[in-house]
Amino acid sequence: MKSPLLSATACAIVLTLGALVRAQSGPAQTVTPSPGQVAGRVVRPDGLPQPDAQVVLARRGPTGALRQLSWRAKSGFDGRYEIVGVPPGRYLILVPPIGADVAADGRPAATLFPGVPVSEPGTLVDVLPGLSAEGIDVWLVPSPRRFSVSGRVFRPDGSTFDSLAIEMGRPGAKATDV
């Protein structure tokens, strides 16, 4: 049979050791992940670099509306940009219209990475802690332009068409404001 004094002593030793281990480990600390960065180029539809373009991180809200975040940069003379201090996460990369709040003739429209209009989903970019997401090049979407076409269209045998519709645009694009 064990003596009560021996059991009490063993229990006191275990409690003391537990307190020492807890004291050495210190209070629980939260570790915040180090920020990452996003880098790439802004490229005009003709393939030349676009200087002075705003590049903004964005996310879509529950309704699908695009929400610009506070992390942003401006492209240099060579079209290169770098957004630093970005918390880890998934982001859309947005280039708003160049030189105005809305697109106009000759100016590129608002564009999401990799080079799609904001009406399309865009591609999310993963920012990892302490790493740089590089090569995130945004090819600007050209603004829509209107053209007039006149003349006559003939079939290969020389006969004419009773009715004819000519459409021009990117595949899958929707005709609006017609």
N, C-alpha and C. Protein backbone atom coordinates (compact mmCIF):
# COMPACT_ATOMS: atom_id res chain seq x y z
N MET A 1 0.83 -1.16 0.00
CA MET A 1 0.00 0.00 0.00
C MET A 1 0.89 1.24 0.00
N LYS A 2 0.52 2.23 -0.81
CA LYS A 2 1.31 3.44 -0.93
C LYS A 2 0.98 4.38 0.20
N SER A 3 1.99 5.09 0.62
CA SER A 3 1.74 6.03 1.70
C SER A 3 1.13 7.30 1.11
N PRO A 4 0.22 7.96 1.85
CA PRO A 4 -0.41 9.19 1.37
C PRO A 4 0.63 10.30 1.20
N LEU A 5 1.67 10.30 2.00
CA LEU A 5 2.71 11.32 1.88
C LEU A 5 3.46 11.18 0.57
N LEU A 6 3.77 9.94 0.15
CA LEU A 6 4.47 9.69 -1.11
C LEU A 6 3.60 10.11 -2.30
N SER A 7 2.33 9.81 -2.26
CA SER A 7 1.41 10.18 -3.34
C SER A 7 1.29 11.69 -3.44
N ALA A 8 1.20 12.38 -2.33
CA ALA A 8 1.08 13.83 -2.32
C ALA A 8 2.36 14.47 -2.84
N THR A 9 3.52 13.91 -2.50
CA THR A 9 4.80 14.43 -2.98
C THR A 9 4.92 14.26 -4.49
N ALA A 10 4.54 13.10 -4.99
CA ALA A 10 4.61 12.84 -6.44
C ALA A 10 3.68 13.79 -7.19
N CYS A 11 2.51 14.01 -6.65
CA CYS A 11 1.54 14.91 -7.29
C CYS A 11 2.09 16.34 -7.31
N ALA A 12 2.72 16.78 -6.24
CA ALA A 12 3.29 18.13 -6.16
C ALA A 12 4.42 18.30 -7.17
N ILE A 13 5.25 17.25 -7.35
CA ILE A 13 6.35 17.32 -8.32
C ILE A 13 5.79 17.44 -9.74
N VAL A 14 4.77 16.66 -10.05
CA VAL A 14 4.17 16.71 -11.40
C VAL A 14 3.58 18.09 -11.66
N LEU A 15 2.88 18.65 -10.69
CA LEU A 15 2.29 19.99 -10.87
C LEU A 15 3.37 21.05 -11.04
N THR A 16 4.45 20.95 -10.26
CA THR A 16 5.54 21.92 -10.37
C THR A 16 6.21 21.85 -11.74
N LEU A 17 6.48 20.66 -12.22
CA LEU A 17 7.10 20.49 -13.54
C LEU A 17 6.19 21.04 -14.64
N GLY A 18 4.89 20.79 -14.53
CA GLY A 18 3.93 21.32 -15.51
C GLY A 18 3.94 22.83 -15.54
N ALA A 19 4.01 23.46 -14.37
CA ALA A 19 4.04 24.92 -14.29
C ALA A 19 5.32 25.47 -14.89
N LEU A 20 6.46 24.78 -14.66
CA LEU A 20 7.72 25.23 -15.23
C LEU A 20 7.72 25.15 -16.76
N VAL A 21 7.20 24.06 -17.29
CA VAL A 21 7.14 23.91 -18.74
C VAL A 21 6.26 24.99 -19.34
N ARG A 22 5.10 25.26 -18.73
CA ARG A 22 4.19 26.28 -19.22
C ARG A 22 4.83 27.66 -19.13
N ALA A 23 5.57 27.96 -18.07
CA ALA A 23 6.21 29.27 -17.89
C ALA A 23 7.30 29.49 -18.92
N GLN A 24 8.03 28.43 -19.28
CA GLN A 24 9.11 28.58 -20.26
C GLN A 24 8.57 28.79 -21.67
N SER A 25 7.43 28.19 -21.96
CA SER A 25 6.90 28.35 -23.31
C SER A 25 6.28 29.71 -23.51
N GLY A 26 5.95 30.42 -22.46
CA GLY A 26 5.42 31.76 -22.54
C GLY A 26 3.97 31.76 -22.97
N PRO A 27 3.39 32.93 -23.07
CA PRO A 27 1.98 33.03 -23.47
C PRO A 27 1.84 32.66 -24.95
N ALA A 28 0.65 32.21 -25.31
CA ALA A 28 0.39 31.85 -26.71
C ALA A 28 0.53 33.09 -27.58
N GLN A 29 1.24 32.95 -28.69
CA GLN A 29 1.46 34.07 -29.60
C GLN A 29 0.82 33.78 -30.93
N THR A 30 0.23 34.82 -31.54
CA THR A 30 -0.33 34.65 -32.88
C THR A 30 0.73 35.09 -33.88
N VAL A 31 0.86 34.33 -34.92
CA VAL A 31 1.85 34.62 -35.96
C VAL A 31 1.11 35.15 -37.18
N THR A 32 1.41 36.39 -37.55
CA THR A 32 0.80 36.93 -38.76
C THR A 32 1.71 36.62 -39.94
N PRO A 33 1.12 36.09 -41.02
CA PRO A 33 1.95 35.75 -42.17
C PRO A 33 2.57 37.00 -42.79
N SER A 34 3.78 36.85 -43.30
CA SER A 34 4.44 37.99 -43.93
C SER A 34 3.74 38.29 -45.26
N PRO A 35 3.68 39.56 -45.63
CA PRO A 35 2.99 39.92 -46.87
C PRO A 35 3.76 39.47 -48.10
N GLY A 36 3.05 39.35 -49.19
CA GLY A 36 3.66 39.01 -50.48
C GLY A 36 3.60 40.23 -51.39
N GLN A 37 3.83 39.98 -52.67
CA GLN A 37 3.75 41.07 -53.64
C GLN A 37 3.31 40.53 -54.99
N VAL A 38 2.85 41.45 -55.84
CA VAL A 38 2.41 41.12 -57.19
C VAL A 38 3.19 42.02 -58.14
N ALA A 39 3.75 41.43 -59.20
CA ALA A 39 4.54 42.22 -60.14
C ALA A 39 4.28 41.74 -61.56
N GLY A 40 4.37 42.66 -62.50
CA GLY A 40 4.18 42.31 -63.90
C GLY A 40 4.28 43.55 -64.77
N ARG A 41 3.61 43.49 -65.93
CA ARG A 41 3.63 44.61 -66.88
C ARG A 41 2.20 44.93 -67.31
N VAL A 42 1.99 46.17 -67.72
CA VAL A 42 0.75 46.57 -68.37
C VAL A 42 1.10 46.80 -69.84
N VAL A 43 0.38 46.10 -70.72
CA VAL A 43 0.71 46.12 -72.14
C VAL A 43 -0.50 46.62 -72.93
N ARG A 44 -0.27 47.57 -73.84
CA ARG A 44 -1.34 48.11 -74.69
C ARG A 44 -1.77 47.05 -75.71
N PRO A 45 -2.95 47.23 -76.31
CA PRO A 45 -3.41 46.26 -77.31
C PRO A 45 -2.44 46.07 -78.48
N ASP A 46 -1.64 47.10 -78.78
CA ASP A 46 -0.68 46.99 -79.89
C ASP A 46 0.65 46.35 -79.46
N GLY A 47 0.75 45.92 -78.19
CA GLY A 47 1.94 45.22 -77.71
C GLY A 47 2.99 46.11 -77.08
N LEU A 48 2.79 47.42 -77.10
CA LEU A 48 3.75 48.34 -76.47
C LEU A 48 3.45 48.48 -74.98
N PRO A 49 4.47 48.80 -74.16
CA PRO A 49 4.22 48.98 -72.72
C PRO A 49 3.34 50.20 -72.46
N GLN A 50 2.51 50.12 -71.44
CA GLN A 50 1.64 51.24 -71.06
C GLN A 50 2.18 51.89 -69.79
N PRO A 51 2.80 53.09 -69.92
CA PRO A 51 3.28 53.77 -68.72
C PRO A 51 2.13 54.47 -67.99
N ASP A 52 2.36 54.77 -66.71
CA ASP A 52 1.43 55.55 -65.88
C ASP A 52 0.04 54.94 -65.74
N ALA A 53 -0.07 53.63 -65.81
CA ALA A 53 -1.37 52.98 -65.62
C ALA A 53 -1.52 52.60 -64.15
N GLN A 54 -2.69 52.84 -63.58
CA GLN A 54 -2.98 52.39 -62.23
C GLN A 54 -3.23 50.89 -62.27
N VAL A 55 -2.65 50.16 -61.34
CA VAL A 55 -2.89 48.72 -61.21
C VAL A 55 -3.40 48.51 -59.80
N VAL A 56 -4.58 47.92 -59.67
CA VAL A 56 -5.27 47.84 -58.40
C VAL A 56 -5.67 46.39 -58.11
N LEU A 57 -5.50 45.97 -56.86
CA LEU A 57 -6.03 44.67 -56.46
C LEU A 57 -7.52 44.83 -56.23
N ALA A 58 -8.29 43.79 -56.61
CA ALA A 58 -9.74 43.87 -56.49
C ALA A 58 -10.30 42.50 -56.12
N ARG A 59 -11.54 42.51 -55.67
CA ARG A 59 -12.30 41.29 -55.40
C ARG A 59 -13.73 41.52 -55.84
N ARG A 60 -14.42 40.44 -56.11
CA ARG A 60 -15.85 40.54 -56.44
C ARG A 60 -16.65 40.30 -55.16
N GLY A 61 -17.67 41.12 -54.96
CA GLY A 61 -18.56 40.96 -53.82
C GLY A 61 -19.57 39.85 -54.08
N PRO A 62 -20.46 39.61 -53.14
CA PRO A 62 -21.45 38.54 -53.28
C PRO A 62 -22.35 38.73 -54.50
N THR A 63 -22.58 39.97 -54.90
CA THR A 63 -23.44 40.23 -56.06
C THR A 63 -22.66 40.21 -57.37
N GLY A 64 -21.34 40.02 -57.29
CA GLY A 64 -20.50 40.02 -58.48
C GLY A 64 -19.90 41.37 -58.82
N ALA A 65 -20.26 42.39 -58.03
CA ALA A 65 -19.72 43.73 -58.27
C ALA A 65 -18.23 43.75 -57.93
N LEU A 66 -17.46 44.44 -58.75
CA LEU A 66 -16.02 44.54 -58.56
C LEU A 66 -15.74 45.59 -57.49
N ARG A 67 -14.95 45.21 -56.49
CA ARG A 67 -14.60 46.11 -55.39
C ARG A 67 -13.10 46.31 -55.39
N GLN A 68 -12.67 47.56 -55.60
CA GLN A 68 -11.24 47.88 -55.59
C GLN A 68 -10.73 47.90 -54.15
N LEU A 69 -9.54 47.34 -53.95
CA LEU A 69 -8.93 47.30 -52.63
C LEU A 69 -7.86 48.40 -52.54
N SER A 70 -7.26 48.55 -51.38
CA SER A 70 -6.33 49.67 -51.18
C SER A 70 -4.93 49.41 -51.73
N TRP A 71 -4.59 48.18 -52.10
CA TRP A 71 -3.26 47.89 -52.61
C TRP A 71 -3.21 48.23 -54.09
N ARG A 72 -2.28 49.11 -54.46
CA ARG A 72 -2.19 49.56 -55.84
C ARG A 72 -0.79 50.05 -56.17
N ALA A 73 -0.54 50.21 -57.45
CA ALA A 73 0.74 50.73 -57.92
C ALA A 73 0.50 51.41 -59.26
N LYS A 74 1.51 52.12 -59.72
CA LYS A 74 1.45 52.78 -61.03
C LYS A 74 2.57 52.20 -61.88
N SER A 75 2.26 51.90 -63.14
CA SER A 75 3.28 51.32 -64.01
C SER A 75 4.31 52.37 -64.40
N GLY A 76 5.54 51.90 -64.58
CA GLY A 76 6.64 52.79 -64.97
C GLY A 76 6.66 53.02 -66.48
N PHE A 77 7.71 53.68 -66.94
CA PHE A 77 7.83 53.99 -68.37
C PHE A 77 7.84 52.73 -69.23
N ASP A 78 8.29 51.62 -68.64
CA ASP A 78 8.38 50.35 -69.38
C ASP A 78 7.17 49.46 -69.14
N GLY A 79 6.12 50.00 -68.49
CA GLY A 79 4.90 49.24 -68.24
C GLY A 79 4.96 48.36 -67.01
N ARG A 80 6.13 48.29 -66.35
CA ARG A 80 6.27 47.40 -65.19
C ARG A 80 5.65 48.03 -63.94
N TYR A 81 5.07 47.16 -63.12
CA TYR A 81 4.50 47.59 -61.85
C TYR A 81 4.85 46.56 -60.77
N GLU A 82 4.76 47.00 -59.51
CA GLU A 82 4.99 46.10 -58.38
C GLU A 82 4.13 46.59 -57.21
N ILE A 83 3.25 45.72 -56.75
CA ILE A 83 2.40 46.03 -55.59
C ILE A 83 2.98 45.26 -54.42
N VAL A 84 3.41 45.97 -53.38
CA VAL A 84 4.06 45.33 -52.23
C VAL A 84 3.16 45.38 -51.00
N GLY A 85 3.49 44.56 -49.99
CA GLY A 85 2.75 44.56 -48.73
C GLY A 85 1.37 43.95 -48.85
N VAL A 86 1.21 42.99 -49.76
CA VAL A 86 -0.09 42.38 -50.00
C VAL A 86 -0.30 41.19 -49.06
N PRO A 87 -1.39 41.20 -48.28
CA PRO A 87 -1.66 40.04 -47.42
C PRO A 87 -1.92 38.79 -48.27
N PRO A 88 -1.54 37.63 -47.78
CA PRO A 88 -1.80 36.40 -48.54
C PRO A 88 -3.30 36.26 -48.85
N GLY A 89 -3.59 35.80 -50.05
CA GLY A 89 -4.98 35.63 -50.46
C GLY A 89 -5.08 35.53 -51.97
N ARG A 90 -6.32 35.54 -52.47
CA ARG A 90 -6.58 35.46 -53.91
C ARG A 90 -7.19 36.79 -54.35
N TYR A 91 -6.61 37.37 -55.40
CA TYR A 91 -7.01 38.70 -55.84
C TYR A 91 -7.19 38.74 -57.36
N LEU A 92 -8.04 39.67 -57.80
CA LEU A 92 -8.11 40.05 -59.20
C LEU A 92 -7.18 41.23 -59.39
N ILE A 93 -6.57 41.32 -60.56
CA ILE A 93 -5.70 42.46 -60.88
C ILE A 93 -6.45 43.31 -61.89
N LEU A 94 -6.72 44.57 -61.53
CA LEU A 94 -7.52 45.48 -62.34
C LEU A 94 -6.68 46.65 -62.82
N VAL A 95 -6.82 47.00 -64.09
CA VAL A 95 -6.27 48.24 -64.63
C VAL A 95 -7.48 49.06 -65.08
N PRO A 96 -7.83 50.13 -64.31
CA PRO A 96 -8.96 50.97 -64.70
C PRO A 96 -8.67 51.67 -66.04
N PRO A 97 -9.69 52.32 -66.64
CA PRO A 97 -9.44 53.04 -67.91
C PRO A 97 -8.26 54.00 -67.77
N ILE A 98 -7.45 54.06 -68.81
CA ILE A 98 -6.26 54.91 -68.78
C ILE A 98 -6.66 56.36 -69.08
N GLY A 99 -6.25 57.28 -68.21
CA GLY A 99 -6.44 58.70 -68.47
C GLY A 99 -7.83 59.24 -68.23
N ALA A 100 -8.74 58.43 -67.70
CA ALA A 100 -10.10 58.92 -67.43
C ALA A 100 -10.81 57.93 -66.52
N ASP A 101 -11.99 58.31 -66.07
CA ASP A 101 -12.78 57.41 -65.24
C ASP A 101 -13.52 56.38 -66.07
N VAL A 102 -13.75 56.67 -67.33
CA VAL A 102 -14.43 55.73 -68.23
C VAL A 102 -13.65 55.64 -69.53
N ALA A 103 -13.83 54.53 -70.23
CA ALA A 103 -13.14 54.35 -71.51
C ALA A 103 -13.73 55.30 -72.55
N ALA A 104 -12.93 55.70 -73.49
CA ALA A 104 -13.37 56.55 -74.59
C ALA A 104 -12.67 56.06 -75.85
N ASP A 105 -13.10 56.57 -77.00
CA ASP A 105 -12.47 56.16 -78.25
C ASP A 105 -10.96 56.32 -78.18
N GLY A 106 -10.26 55.28 -78.53
CA GLY A 106 -8.81 55.33 -78.54
C GLY A 106 -8.17 54.99 -77.21
N ARG A 107 -8.95 54.96 -76.13
CA ARG A 107 -8.41 54.60 -74.82
C ARG A 107 -8.83 53.18 -74.46
N PRO A 108 -7.94 52.42 -73.88
CA PRO A 108 -8.32 51.07 -73.46
C PRO A 108 -9.40 51.09 -72.38
N ALA A 109 -10.25 50.09 -72.40
CA ALA A 109 -11.30 49.94 -71.39
C ALA A 109 -10.71 49.34 -70.12
N ALA A 110 -11.47 49.38 -69.03
CA ALA A 110 -11.03 48.74 -67.78
C ALA A 110 -10.78 47.26 -68.06
N THR A 111 -9.65 46.75 -67.56
CA THR A 111 -9.20 45.40 -67.91
C THR A 111 -8.79 44.64 -66.67
N LEU A 112 -9.15 43.34 -66.64
CA LEU A 112 -8.70 42.43 -65.60
C LEU A 112 -7.63 41.51 -66.16
N PHE A 113 -6.73 41.05 -65.27
CA PHE A 113 -5.74 40.05 -65.67
C PHE A 113 -6.48 38.81 -66.13
N PRO A 114 -6.08 38.21 -67.25
CA PRO A 114 -4.89 38.43 -68.07
C PRO A 114 -5.09 39.43 -69.20
N GLY A 115 -6.31 39.85 -69.46
CA GLY A 115 -6.59 40.79 -70.53
C GLY A 115 -8.03 40.68 -70.97
N VAL A 116 -8.93 40.70 -69.99
CA VAL A 116 -10.36 40.56 -70.29
C VAL A 116 -11.11 41.76 -69.73
N PRO A 117 -12.26 42.09 -70.33
CA PRO A 117 -13.04 43.20 -69.79
C PRO A 117 -13.59 42.85 -68.41
N VAL A 118 -13.97 43.86 -67.64
CA VAL A 118 -14.46 43.63 -66.28
C VAL A 118 -15.80 42.90 -66.27
N SER A 119 -16.47 42.80 -67.41
CA SER A 119 -17.72 42.04 -67.49
C SER A 119 -17.46 40.53 -67.43
N GLU A 120 -16.22 40.11 -67.66
CA GLU A 120 -15.85 38.70 -67.58
C GLU A 120 -15.22 38.43 -66.21
N PRO A 121 -15.11 37.14 -65.82
CA PRO A 121 -14.63 36.84 -64.46
C PRO A 121 -13.19 37.24 -64.17
N GLY A 122 -12.30 37.21 -65.15
CA GLY A 122 -10.88 37.45 -64.87
C GLY A 122 -10.27 36.24 -64.21
N THR A 123 -8.96 36.26 -64.02
CA THR A 123 -8.23 35.15 -63.41
C THR A 123 -7.71 35.60 -62.05
N LEU A 124 -8.01 34.83 -61.01
CA LEU A 124 -7.53 35.14 -59.68
C LEU A 124 -6.03 34.85 -59.58
N VAL A 125 -5.33 35.70 -58.85
CA VAL A 125 -3.90 35.53 -58.61
C VAL A 125 -3.71 35.18 -57.14
N ASP A 126 -2.97 34.10 -56.87
CA ASP A 126 -2.68 33.67 -55.50
C ASP A 126 -1.45 34.41 -54.99
N VAL A 127 -1.60 35.11 -53.89
CA VAL A 127 -0.47 35.76 -53.22
C VAL A 127 -0.14 34.92 -52.00
N LEU A 128 1.10 34.43 -51.94
CA LEU A 128 1.54 33.57 -50.85
C LEU A 128 2.43 34.37 -49.89
N PRO A 129 2.47 33.97 -48.61
CA PRO A 129 3.25 34.72 -47.62
C PRO A 129 4.73 34.83 -48.00
N GLY A 130 5.22 36.06 -48.03
CA GLY A 130 6.64 36.31 -48.26
C GLY A 130 7.13 36.06 -49.68
N LEU A 131 6.23 35.74 -50.61
CA LEU A 131 6.65 35.44 -51.98
C LEU A 131 6.11 36.50 -52.95
N SER A 132 6.74 36.56 -54.12
CA SER A 132 6.32 37.49 -55.15
C SER A 132 5.63 36.72 -56.27
N ALA A 133 4.39 37.12 -56.59
CA ALA A 133 3.69 36.57 -57.76
C ALA A 133 4.13 37.43 -58.94
N GLU A 134 5.02 36.89 -59.77
CA GLU A 134 5.60 37.67 -60.86
C GLU A 134 5.06 37.22 -62.21
N GLY A 135 5.25 38.08 -63.21
CA GLY A 135 4.80 37.76 -64.56
C GLY A 135 3.30 37.94 -64.73
N ILE A 136 2.69 38.76 -63.87
CA ILE A 136 1.26 39.00 -63.95
C ILE A 136 1.05 40.17 -64.93
N ASP A 137 1.11 39.86 -66.21
CA ASP A 137 1.01 40.87 -67.27
C ASP A 137 -0.45 41.07 -67.66
N VAL A 138 -0.88 42.32 -67.68
CA VAL A 138 -2.25 42.67 -68.05
C VAL A 138 -2.22 43.27 -69.45
N TRP A 139 -2.86 42.58 -70.41
CA TRP A 139 -2.98 43.08 -71.78
C TRP A 139 -4.28 43.86 -71.85
N LEU A 140 -4.18 45.16 -72.07
CA LEU A 140 -5.34 46.03 -72.05
C LEU A 140 -6.32 45.69 -73.17
N VAL A 141 -7.60 45.80 -72.84
CA VAL A 141 -8.67 45.55 -73.80
C VAL A 141 -8.91 46.85 -74.57
N PRO A 142 -8.88 46.80 -75.90
CA PRO A 142 -9.12 48.03 -76.65
C PRO A 142 -10.57 48.49 -76.47
N SER A 143 -10.77 49.80 -76.55
CA SER A 143 -12.14 50.31 -76.46
C SER A 143 -12.88 49.98 -77.74
N PRO A 144 -14.20 49.79 -77.64
CA PRO A 144 -14.96 49.48 -78.85
C PRO A 144 -14.96 50.67 -79.81
N ARG A 145 -14.94 50.38 -81.07
CA ARG A 145 -14.98 51.43 -82.09
C ARG A 145 -16.09 51.11 -83.07
N ARG A 146 -16.68 52.13 -83.60
CA ARG A 146 -17.75 51.98 -84.59
C ARG A 146 -17.19 52.25 -85.97
N PHE A 147 -17.64 51.45 -86.93
CA PHE A 147 -17.21 51.60 -88.31
C PHE A 147 -18.43 51.62 -89.21
N SER A 148 -18.31 52.26 -90.34
CA SER A 148 -19.34 52.22 -91.36
C SER A 148 -18.80 51.42 -92.53
N VAL A 149 -19.64 50.54 -93.04
CA VAL A 149 -19.25 49.74 -94.19
C VAL A 149 -20.28 50.01 -95.28
N SER A 150 -19.83 50.32 -96.46
CA SER A 150 -20.76 50.54 -97.56
C SER A 150 -20.26 49.78 -98.78
N GLY A 151 -21.17 49.48 -99.66
CA GLY A 151 -20.81 48.76 -100.88
C GLY A 151 -21.82 47.68 -101.16
N ARG A 152 -21.49 46.82 -102.09
CA ARG A 152 -22.38 45.72 -102.45
C ARG A 152 -21.62 44.41 -102.28
N VAL A 153 -22.36 43.38 -101.87
CA VAL A 153 -21.77 42.07 -101.66
C VAL A 153 -22.43 41.10 -102.64
N PHE A 154 -21.58 40.36 -103.33
CA PHE A 154 -22.08 39.40 -104.32
C PHE A 154 -21.68 37.99 -103.92
N ARG A 155 -22.51 37.05 -104.34
CA ARG A 155 -22.17 35.64 -104.19
C ARG A 155 -21.10 35.30 -105.22
N PRO A 156 -20.43 34.15 -105.05
CA PRO A 156 -19.40 33.77 -106.02
C PRO A 156 -19.93 33.66 -107.46
N ASP A 157 -21.22 33.35 -107.62
CA ASP A 157 -21.78 33.24 -108.99
C ASP A 157 -22.21 34.59 -109.55
N GLY A 158 -22.05 35.69 -108.77
CA GLY A 158 -22.39 37.02 -109.25
C GLY A 158 -23.77 37.50 -108.85
N SER A 159 -24.58 36.64 -108.27
CA SER A 159 -25.92 37.06 -107.86
C SER A 159 -25.83 37.83 -106.54
N THR A 160 -26.90 38.59 -106.24
CA THR A 160 -26.92 39.40 -105.02
C THR A 160 -27.70 38.70 -103.92
N PHE A 161 -27.53 39.18 -102.70
CA PHE A 161 -28.24 38.65 -101.54
C PHE A 161 -29.55 39.42 -101.37
N ASP A 162 -30.61 38.74 -100.94
CA ASP A 162 -31.85 39.43 -100.63
C ASP A 162 -31.71 40.22 -99.33
N SER A 163 -31.08 39.64 -98.33
CA SER A 163 -30.80 40.34 -97.07
C SER A 163 -29.48 39.81 -96.53
N LEU A 164 -28.76 40.67 -95.87
CA LEU A 164 -27.43 40.29 -95.40
C LEU A 164 -27.11 41.08 -94.14
N ALA A 165 -26.58 40.43 -93.15
CA ALA A 165 -26.11 41.09 -91.92
C ALA A 165 -24.63 40.80 -91.78
N ILE A 166 -23.86 41.83 -91.56
CA ILE A 166 -22.41 41.68 -91.36
C ILE A 166 -22.12 42.05 -89.91
N GLU A 167 -21.49 41.16 -89.21
CA GLU A 167 -21.12 41.43 -87.82
C GLU A 167 -19.60 41.37 -87.70
N MET A 168 -19.08 42.25 -86.85
CA MET A 168 -17.64 42.27 -86.63
C MET A 168 -17.39 42.36 -85.14
N GLY A 169 -16.44 41.61 -84.63
CA GLY A 169 -16.12 41.67 -83.22
C GLY A 169 -15.43 40.40 -82.78
N ARG A 170 -15.08 40.38 -81.51
CA ARG A 170 -14.46 39.19 -80.95
C ARG A 170 -15.48 38.06 -80.86
N PRO A 171 -15.05 36.83 -81.00
CA PRO A 171 -15.98 35.71 -80.84
C PRO A 171 -16.59 35.72 -79.44
N GLY A 172 -17.91 35.57 -79.39
CA GLY A 172 -18.61 35.54 -78.11
C GLY A 172 -18.94 36.91 -77.56
N ALA A 173 -18.50 37.99 -78.24
CA ALA A 173 -18.80 39.33 -77.75
C ALA A 173 -20.27 39.64 -78.00
N LYS A 174 -20.87 40.46 -77.15
CA LYS A 174 -22.27 40.83 -77.28
C LYS A 174 -22.38 42.20 -77.90
N ALA A 175 -23.31 42.35 -78.84
CA ALA A 175 -23.55 43.65 -79.44
C ALA A 175 -24.43 44.46 -78.49
N THR A 176 -23.95 45.60 -78.04
CA THR A 176 -24.74 46.48 -77.17
C THR A 176 -24.77 47.86 -77.79
N ASP A 177 -25.74 48.63 -77.38
CA ASP A 177 -25.90 50.01 -77.88
C ASP A 177 -25.98 50.05 -79.40
N VAL A 178 -26.69 49.10 -79.98
CA VAL A 178 -26.83 49.07 -81.44
C VAL A 178 -28.14 49.68 -81.82
